[in-house]
């Protein structure tokens, strides 16, 4: 069973905005990488059911290992 992740964008002032919900780790990684390409802000994926979260990169110049793996193939 694939887990669902909500993705939030975190702004420099500390506020956050929900951006999308994706299903599965691969799609989450792909979407985080896609969003990071178009924004300098930080993105965070949250598995609401499990209470887990992991940050994406703060912008296209920084590395996010899971997003790099997803983008590679």
N, C-alpha and C. Protein backbone atom coordinates (compact mmCIF):
# COMPACT_ATOMS: atom_id res chain seq x y z
N UNK A 1 0.84 -1.19 0.00
CA UNK A 1 0.00 0.00 0.00
C UNK A 1 0.88 1.25 0.00
N UNK A 2 0.63 2.14 -0.93
CA UNK A 2 1.42 3.35 -1.03
C UNK A 2 0.94 4.37 0.00
N UNK A 3 1.91 5.08 0.55
CA UNK A 3 1.58 6.15 1.49
C UNK A 3 1.29 7.43 0.73
N UNK A 4 0.45 8.27 1.31
CA UNK A 4 0.13 9.57 0.73
C UNK A 4 0.90 10.65 1.46
N UNK A 5 1.42 11.59 0.70
CA UNK A 5 2.17 12.70 1.27
C UNK A 5 1.54 14.02 0.84
N UNK A 6 1.39 14.92 1.80
CA UNK A 6 0.99 16.29 1.50
C UNK A 6 2.26 17.11 1.38
N UNK A 7 2.34 17.96 0.38
CA UNK A 7 3.52 18.79 0.17
C UNK A 7 3.17 20.24 0.47
N UNK A 8 4.01 20.85 1.30
CA UNK A 8 3.82 22.23 1.71
C UNK A 8 5.01 23.05 1.26
N UNK A 9 4.75 24.32 0.92
CA UNK A 9 5.82 25.26 0.60
C UNK A 9 6.02 26.17 1.81
N UNK A 10 7.28 26.29 2.25
CA UNK A 10 7.59 27.13 3.40
C UNK A 10 8.27 28.40 2.91
N UNK A 11 7.73 29.54 3.31
CA UNK A 11 8.22 30.84 2.86
C UNK A 11 9.21 31.42 3.87
N UNK A 12 10.04 32.38 3.43
CA UNK A 12 11.04 32.97 4.32
C UNK A 12 10.46 33.56 5.61
N UNK A 13 9.23 34.03 5.58
CA UNK A 13 8.62 34.61 6.78
C UNK A 13 8.11 33.54 7.75
N UNK A 14 8.28 32.26 7.39
CA UNK A 14 7.87 31.17 8.26
C UNK A 14 6.49 30.62 7.97
N UNK A 15 5.74 31.28 7.11
CA UNK A 15 4.41 30.79 6.76
C UNK A 15 4.51 29.61 5.79
N UNK A 16 3.48 28.80 5.74
CA UNK A 16 3.45 27.66 4.84
C UNK A 16 2.15 27.64 4.06
N UNK A 17 2.20 27.03 2.89
CA UNK A 17 1.03 26.85 2.05
C UNK A 17 1.03 25.43 1.51
N UNK A 18 -0.12 24.77 1.60
CA UNK A 18 -0.26 23.44 1.05
C UNK A 18 -0.21 23.55 -0.47
N UNK A 19 0.55 22.67 -1.11
CA UNK A 19 0.68 22.71 -2.57
C UNK A 19 -0.01 21.54 -3.26
N UNK A 20 0.15 20.34 -2.76
CA UNK A 20 -0.43 19.18 -3.44
C UNK A 20 -0.34 17.95 -2.54
N UNK A 21 -1.03 16.91 -2.95
CA UNK A 21 -0.95 15.61 -2.29
C UNK A 21 -0.52 14.60 -3.35
N UNK A 22 0.44 13.75 -3.03
CA UNK A 22 0.91 12.74 -3.97
C UNK A 22 0.94 11.38 -3.27
N UNK A 23 0.89 10.34 -4.07
CA UNK A 23 0.86 8.99 -3.55
C UNK A 23 2.15 8.26 -3.88
N UNK A 24 2.82 7.73 -2.86
CA UNK A 24 4.02 6.94 -3.06
C UNK A 24 5.29 7.76 -2.95
N UNK A 25 6.36 7.09 -2.52
CA UNK A 25 7.65 7.75 -2.32
C UNK A 25 8.24 8.28 -3.62
N UNK A 26 8.18 7.49 -4.68
CA UNK A 26 8.75 7.93 -5.95
C UNK A 26 8.08 9.20 -6.46
N UNK A 27 6.76 9.22 -6.47
CA UNK A 27 6.03 10.40 -6.94
C UNK A 27 6.27 11.61 -6.04
N UNK A 28 6.42 11.35 -4.75
CA UNK A 28 6.72 12.44 -3.81
C UNK A 28 8.07 13.05 -4.13
N UNK A 29 9.07 12.21 -4.32
CA UNK A 29 10.40 12.69 -4.68
C UNK A 29 10.38 13.47 -5.99
N UNK A 30 9.68 12.94 -6.97
CA UNK A 30 9.59 13.60 -8.28
C UNK A 30 8.94 14.97 -8.15
N UNK A 31 7.84 15.04 -7.40
CA UNK A 31 7.12 16.30 -7.26
C UNK A 31 7.94 17.33 -6.48
N UNK A 32 8.64 16.89 -5.44
CA UNK A 32 9.50 17.80 -4.69
C UNK A 32 10.57 18.39 -5.60
N UNK A 33 11.18 17.56 -6.42
CA UNK A 33 12.21 18.04 -7.35
C UNK A 33 11.62 19.03 -8.35
N UNK A 34 10.44 18.71 -8.86
CA UNK A 34 9.78 19.60 -9.82
C UNK A 34 9.46 20.95 -9.21
N UNK A 35 8.90 20.96 -8.02
CA UNK A 35 8.56 22.21 -7.34
C UNK A 35 9.81 23.03 -7.03
N UNK A 36 10.87 22.35 -6.60
CA UNK A 36 12.11 23.04 -6.24
C UNK A 36 12.77 23.70 -7.44
N UNK A 37 12.53 23.18 -8.63
CA UNK A 37 13.10 23.78 -9.84
C UNK A 37 12.54 25.18 -10.10
N UNK A 38 11.37 25.46 -9.58
CA UNK A 38 10.68 26.70 -9.91
C UNK A 38 10.54 27.66 -8.73
N UNK A 39 11.21 27.37 -7.62
CA UNK A 39 11.08 28.22 -6.45
C UNK A 39 12.34 28.17 -5.61
N UNK A 40 12.64 29.26 -4.95
CA UNK A 40 13.77 29.32 -4.02
C UNK A 40 13.32 28.92 -2.61
N UNK A 41 12.04 28.69 -2.41
CA UNK A 41 11.51 28.34 -1.09
C UNK A 41 11.74 26.87 -0.77
N UNK A 42 11.60 26.54 0.51
CA UNK A 42 11.74 25.16 0.97
C UNK A 42 10.40 24.44 0.81
N UNK A 43 10.46 23.16 0.49
CA UNK A 43 9.27 22.32 0.40
C UNK A 43 9.40 21.18 1.38
N UNK A 44 8.29 20.82 2.01
CA UNK A 44 8.27 19.76 2.99
C UNK A 44 7.17 18.79 2.64
N UNK A 45 7.49 17.50 2.61
CA UNK A 45 6.50 16.45 2.39
C UNK A 45 6.16 15.83 3.73
N UNK A 46 4.87 15.66 3.99
CA UNK A 46 4.40 15.14 5.27
C UNK A 46 3.50 13.94 5.04
N UNK A 47 3.83 12.84 5.70
CA UNK A 47 2.95 11.68 5.73
C UNK A 47 2.05 11.89 6.93
N UNK A 48 0.86 12.39 6.71
CA UNK A 48 -0.04 12.78 7.78
C UNK A 48 -0.37 11.59 8.69
N UNK A 49 -0.63 10.43 8.11
CA UNK A 49 -1.00 9.26 8.91
C UNK A 49 0.11 8.83 9.85
N UNK A 50 1.34 8.77 9.35
CA UNK A 50 2.46 8.31 10.17
C UNK A 50 3.08 9.43 10.99
N UNK A 51 2.80 10.67 10.61
CA UNK A 51 3.39 11.80 11.31
C UNK A 51 4.83 12.07 10.93
N UNK A 52 5.27 11.50 9.81
CA UNK A 52 6.65 11.70 9.34
C UNK A 52 6.70 12.87 8.37
N UNK A 53 7.83 13.57 8.39
CA UNK A 53 8.03 14.63 7.41
C UNK A 53 9.47 14.64 6.99
N UNK A 54 9.72 15.10 5.80
CA UNK A 54 11.09 15.29 5.36
C UNK A 54 11.15 16.51 4.47
N UNK A 55 12.19 17.32 4.65
CA UNK A 55 12.32 18.55 3.86
C UNK A 55 12.91 18.26 2.49
N UNK A 56 12.52 19.06 1.55
CA UNK A 56 13.14 19.02 0.23
C UNK A 56 14.22 20.09 0.23
N UNK A 57 14.79 20.33 -0.90
CA UNK A 57 15.83 21.36 -0.94
C UNK A 57 15.21 22.74 -0.82
N UNK A 58 16.04 23.70 -0.49
CA UNK A 58 15.58 25.07 -0.32
C UNK A 58 15.50 25.80 -1.65
N UNK A 59 15.94 25.18 -2.69
CA UNK A 59 15.91 25.80 -4.01
C UNK A 59 16.68 24.97 -4.99
N UNK A 60 16.66 25.35 -6.24
CA UNK A 60 17.28 24.53 -7.28
C UNK A 60 18.79 24.40 -7.16
N UNK A 61 19.46 25.25 -6.40
CA UNK A 61 20.91 25.16 -6.30
C UNK A 61 21.37 24.17 -5.24
N UNK A 62 20.50 23.77 -4.35
CA UNK A 62 20.87 22.86 -3.28
C UNK A 62 20.50 21.43 -3.64
N UNK A 63 21.17 20.49 -3.02
CA UNK A 63 20.96 19.08 -3.34
C UNK A 63 19.94 18.44 -2.40
N UNK A 64 19.09 17.62 -2.94
CA UNK A 64 18.15 16.81 -2.17
C UNK A 64 18.30 15.40 -2.68
N UNK A 65 18.94 14.52 -1.91
CA UNK A 65 19.30 13.19 -2.40
C UNK A 65 18.13 12.40 -2.99
N UNK A 66 16.98 12.39 -2.34
CA UNK A 66 15.86 11.60 -2.86
C UNK A 66 15.36 12.17 -4.17
N UNK A 67 15.35 13.49 -4.30
CA UNK A 67 14.89 14.11 -5.54
C UNK A 67 15.90 13.82 -6.65
N UNK A 68 17.18 13.83 -6.34
CA UNK A 68 18.18 13.52 -7.36
C UNK A 68 18.00 12.08 -7.84
N UNK A 69 17.74 11.16 -6.92
CA UNK A 69 17.56 9.76 -7.29
C UNK A 69 16.33 9.62 -8.19
N UNK A 70 15.25 10.30 -7.85
CA UNK A 70 14.04 10.21 -8.65
C UNK A 70 14.25 10.82 -10.04
N UNK A 71 14.97 11.92 -10.08
CA UNK A 71 15.21 12.59 -11.35
C UNK A 71 16.12 11.75 -12.26
N UNK A 72 16.99 10.97 -11.65
CA UNK A 72 17.93 10.16 -12.41
C UNK A 72 17.29 8.95 -13.07
N UNK A 73 16.13 8.58 -12.57
CA UNK A 73 15.61 7.48 -13.31
C UNK A 73 14.59 6.66 -12.74
